[in-house]
Amino acid sequence: MKKLLLMFALLFTVSTAFTSCRETNNDVADDVEDVVDDVEDSVD
């Protein structure tokens, strides 16, 4: 039982280590530029 629990803990740790939900800086910069363009268009 203890080994099974440790295996699940190890699997969870490995899966979270290799799965990233962060965006890269380029994606964020592109999103900011899109928002700025949309705001400029709405002002016009």
PDB file of N, CA and C in Angstrom:
ATOM      1  N   MET A   1       0.834  -1.201   0.000  1.00  0.00           N
ATOM      2  CA  MET A   1       0.000   0.000   0.000  1.00  0.00           C
ATOM      3  C   MET A   1       0.870   1.253   0.000  1.00  0.00           C
ATOM      4  N   LYS A   2       1.933   1.208   0.788  1.00  0.00           N
ATOM      5  CA  LYS A   2       2.815   2.353   0.867  1.00  0.00           C
ATOM      6  C   LYS A   2       3.536   2.585  -0.464  1.00  0.00           C
ATOM      7  N   LYS A   3       3.925   1.502  -1.122  1.00  0.00           N
ATOM      8  CA  LYS A   3       4.611   1.625  -2.408  1.00  0.00           C
ATOM      9  C   LYS A   3       3.677   2.209  -3.461  1.00  0.00           C
ATOM     10  N   LEU A   4       2.413   1.811  -3.429  1.00  0.00           N
ATOM     11  CA  LEU A   4       1.439   2.326  -4.384  1.00  0.00           C
ATOM     12  C   LEU A   4       1.263   3.828  -4.193  1.00  0.00           C
ATOM     13  N   LEU A   5       1.161   4.271  -2.962  1.00  0.00           N
ATOM     14  CA  LEU A   5       1.021   5.698  -2.673  1.00  0.00           C
ATOM     15  C   LEU A   5       2.257   6.475  -3.117  1.00  0.00           C
ATOM     16  N   LEU A   6       3.426   5.912  -2.881  1.00  0.00           N
ATOM     17  CA  LEU A   6       4.657   6.565  -3.308  1.00  0.00           C
ATOM     18  C   LEU A   6       4.753   6.631  -4.833  1.00  0.00           C
ATOM     19  N   MET A   7       4.282   5.603  -5.512  1.00  0.00           N
ATOM     20  CA  MET A   7       4.304   5.606  -6.977  1.00  0.00           C
ATOM     21  C   MET A   7       3.387   6.694  -7.523  1.00  0.00           C
ATOM     22  N   PHE A   8       2.185   6.848  -6.935  1.00  0.00           N
ATOM     23  CA  PHE A   8       1.279   7.914  -7.364  1.00  0.00           C
ATOM     24  C   PHE A   8       1.889   9.287  -7.104  1.00  0.00           C
ATOM     25  N   ALA A   9       2.553   9.450  -5.970  1.00  0.00           N
ATOM     26  CA  ALA A   9       3.200  10.719  -5.658  1.00  0.00           C
ATOM     27  C   ALA A   9       4.323  11.002  -6.648  1.00  0.00           C
ATOM     28  N   LEU A  10       5.085   9.989  -6.999  1.00  0.00           N
ATOM     29  CA  LEU A  10       6.163  10.153  -7.968  1.00  0.00           C
ATOM     30  C   LEU A  10       5.612  10.489  -9.347  1.00  0.00           C
ATOM     31  N   LEU A  11       4.545   9.810  -9.760  1.00  0.00           N
ATOM     32  CA  LEU A  11       3.924  10.097 -11.053  1.00  0.00           C
ATOM     33  C   LEU A  11       3.397  11.528 -11.101  1.00  0.00           C
ATOM     34  N   PHE A  12       2.754  11.958 -10.032  1.00  0.00           N
ATOM     35  CA  PHE A  12       2.230  13.323  -9.972  1.00  0.00           C
ATOM     36  C   PHE A  12       3.360  14.343 -10.070  1.00  0.00           C
ATOM     37  N   THR A  13       4.445  14.101  -9.362  1.00  0.00           N
ATOM     38  CA  THR A  13       5.582  15.018  -9.372  1.00  0.00           C
ATOM     39  C   THR A  13       6.203  15.105 -10.755  1.00  0.00           C
ATOM     40  N   VAL A  14       6.384  13.959 -11.393  1.00  0.00           N
ATOM     41  CA  VAL A  14       6.990  13.943 -12.725  1.00  0.00           C
ATOM     42  C   VAL A  14       6.064  14.606 -13.738  1.00  0.00           C
ATOM     43  N   SER A  15       4.776  14.349 -13.645  1.00  0.00           N
ATOM     44  CA  SER A  15       3.845  14.932 -14.618  1.00  0.00           C
ATOM     45  C   SER A  15       3.763  16.448 -14.467  1.00  0.00           C
ATOM     46  N   THR A  16       3.812  16.956 -13.251  1.00  0.00           N
ATOM     47  CA  THR A  16       3.776  18.406 -13.077  1.00  0.00           C
ATOM     48  C   THR A  16       5.101  19.052 -13.446  1.00  0.00           C
ATOM     49  N   ALA A  17       6.193  18.311 -13.324  1.00  0.00           N
ATOM     50  CA  ALA A  17       7.501  18.874 -13.677  1.00  0.00           C
ATOM     51  C   ALA A  17       7.629  19.048 -15.184  1.00  0.00           C
ATOM     52  N   PHE A  18       7.047  18.134 -15.951  1.00  0.00           N
ATOM     53  CA  PHE A  18       7.187  18.201 -17.397  1.00  0.00           C
ATOM     54  C   PHE A  18       6.035  18.921 -18.091  1.00  0.00           C
ATOM     55  N   THR A  19       5.000  19.282 -17.348  1.00  0.00           N
ATOM     56  CA  THR A  19       3.865  19.996 -17.928  1.00  0.00           C
ATOM     57  C   THR A  19       3.915  21.432 -17.446  1.00  0.00           C
ATOM     58  N   SER A  20       4.043  22.351 -18.380  1.00  0.00           N
ATOM     59  CA  SER A  20       4.138  23.755 -18.017  1.00  0.00           C
ATOM     60  C   SER A  20       2.947  24.503 -18.574  1.00  0.00           C
ATOM     61  N   CYS A  21       2.366  25.388 -17.782  1.00  0.00           N
ATOM     62  CA  CYS A  21       1.220  26.164 -18.240  1.00  0.00           C
ATOM     63  C   CYS A  21       1.592  27.627 -18.442  1.00  0.00           C
ATOM     64  N   ARG A  22       2.854  27.949 -18.290  1.00  0.00           N
ATOM     65  CA  ARG A  22       3.275  29.329 -18.486  1.00  0.00           C
ATOM     66  C   ARG A  22       3.357  29.652 -19.962  1.00  0.00           C
ATOM     67  N   GLU A  23       3.073  30.904 -20.286  1.00  0.00           N
ATOM     68  CA  GLU A  23       3.221  31.369 -21.650  1.00  0.00           C
ATOM     69  C   GLU A  23       4.614  31.952 -21.812  1.00  0.00           C
ATOM     70  N   THR A  24       5.116  31.900 -23.011  1.00  0.00           N
ATOM     71  CA  THR A  24       6.414  32.519 -23.258  1.00  0.00           C
ATOM     72  C   THR A  24       6.245  34.022 -23.369  1.00  0.00           C
ATOM     73  N   ASN A  25       7.335  34.737 -23.239  1.00  0.00           N
ATOM     74  CA  ASN A  25       7.278  36.197 -23.298  1.00  0.00           C
ATOM     75  C   ASN A  25       6.802  36.676 -24.658  1.00  0.00           C
ATOM     76  N   ASN A  26       7.127  35.959 -25.717  1.00  0.00           N
ATOM     77  CA  ASN A  26       6.710  36.369 -27.056  1.00  0.00           C
ATOM     78  C   ASN A  26       5.198  36.337 -27.186  1.00  0.00           C
ATOM     79  N   ASP A  27       4.573  35.317 -26.626  1.00  0.00           N
ATOM     80  CA  ASP A  27       3.118  35.233 -26.696  1.00  0.00           C
ATOM     81  C   ASP A  27       2.466  36.379 -25.945  1.00  0.00           C
ATOM     82  N   VAL A  28       3.008  36.719 -24.799  1.00  0.00           N
ATOM     83  CA  VAL A  28       2.454  37.810 -24.003  1.00  0.00           C
ATOM     84  C   VAL A  28       2.663  39.133 -24.727  1.00  0.00           C
ATOM     85  N   ALA A  29       3.827  39.319 -25.331  1.00  0.00           N
ATOM     86  CA  ALA A  29       4.096  40.558 -26.053  1.00  0.00           C
ATOM     87  C   ALA A  29       3.154  40.698 -27.243  1.00  0.00           C
ATOM     88  N   ASP A  30       2.892  39.598 -27.933  1.00  0.00           N
ATOM     89  CA  ASP A  30       1.956  39.640 -29.059  1.00  0.00           C
ATOM     90  C   ASP A  30       0.553  39.984 -28.589  1.00  0.00           C
ATOM     91  N   ASP A  31       0.151  39.423 -27.456  1.00  0.00           N
ATOM     92  CA  ASP A  31      -1.175  39.717 -26.918  1.00  0.00           C
ATOM     93  C   ASP A  31      -1.294  41.189 -26.543  1.00  0.00           C
ATOM     94  N   VAL A  32      -0.242  41.747 -25.962  1.00  0.00           N
ATOM     95  CA  VAL A  32      -0.260  43.162 -25.581  1.00  0.00           C
ATOM     96  C   VAL A  32      -0.360  44.032 -26.829  1.00  0.00           C
ATOM     97  N   GLU A  33       0.389  43.678 -27.862  1.00  0.00           N
ATOM     98  CA  GLU A  33       0.315  44.456 -29.101  1.00  0.00           C
ATOM     99  C   GLU A  33      -1.077  44.387 -29.715  1.00  0.00           C
ATOM    100  N   ASP A  34      -1.700  43.223 -29.663  1.00  0.00           N
ATOM    101  CA  ASP A  34      -3.060  43.076 -30.192  1.00  0.00           C
ATOM    102  C   ASP A  34      -4.047  43.957 -29.436  1.00  0.00           C
ATOM    103  N   VAL A  35      -3.909  44.006 -28.132  1.00  0.00           N
ATOM    104  CA  VAL A  35      -4.812  44.827 -27.327  1.00  0.00           C
ATOM    105  C   VAL A  35      -4.596  46.299 -27.634  1.00  0.00           C
ATOM    106  N   VAL A  36      -3.346  46.712 -27.778  1.00  0.00           N
ATOM    107  CA  VAL A  36      -3.056  48.115 -28.098  1.00  0.00           C
ATOM    108  C   VAL A  36      -3.656  48.467 -29.452  1.00  0.00           C
ATOM    109  N   ASP A  37      -3.513  47.583 -30.422  1.00  0.00           N
ATOM    110  CA  ASP A  37      -4.092  47.840 -31.742  1.00  0.00           C
ATOM    111  C   ASP A  37      -5.611  47.938 -31.669  1.00  0.00           C
ATOM    112  N   ASP A  38      -6.229  47.077 -30.898  1.00  0.00           N
ATOM    113  CA  ASP A  38      -7.686  47.116 -30.763  1.00  0.00           C
ATOM    114  C   ASP A  38      -8.149  48.415 -30.110  1.00  0.00           C
ATOM    115  N   VAL A  39      -7.404  48.868 -29.111  1.00  0.00           N
ATOM    116  CA  VAL A  39      -7.774  50.110 -28.442  1.00  0.00           C
ATOM    117  C   VAL A  39      -7.611  51.288 -29.391  1.00  0.00           C
ATOM    118  N   GLU A  40      -6.530  51.292 -30.163  1.00  0.00           N
ATOM    119  CA  GLU A  40      -6.337  52.383 -31.125  1.00  0.00           C
ATOM    120  C   GLU A  40      -7.443  52.390 -32.176  1.00  0.00           C
ATOM    121  N   ASP A  41      -7.851  51.207 -32.620  1.00  0.00           N
ATOM    122  CA  ASP A  41      -8.935  51.124 -33.604  1.00  0.00           C
ATOM    123  C   ASP A  41     -10.254  51.613 -33.030  1.00  0.00           C
ATOM    124  N   SER A  42     -10.503  51.290 -31.768  1.00  0.00           N
ATOM    125  CA  SER A  42     -11.767  51.720 -31.183  1.00  0.00           C
ATOM    126  C   SER A  42     -11.799  53.221 -30.922  1.00  0.00           C
ATOM    127  N   VAL A  43     -10.640  53.819 -30.684  1.00  0.00           N
ATOM    128  CA  VAL A  43     -10.575  55.261 -30.483  1.00  0.00           C
ATOM    129  C   VAL A  43     -10.870  55.985 -31.784  1.00  0.00           C
ATOM    130  N   ASP A  44     -10.388  55.443 -32.891  1.00  0.00           N
ATOM    131  CA  ASP A  44     -10.628  56.058 -34.211  1.00  0.00           C
ATOM    132  C   ASP A  44     -12.067  55.879 -34.566  1.00  0.00           C
TER     133      ASP A  44
END
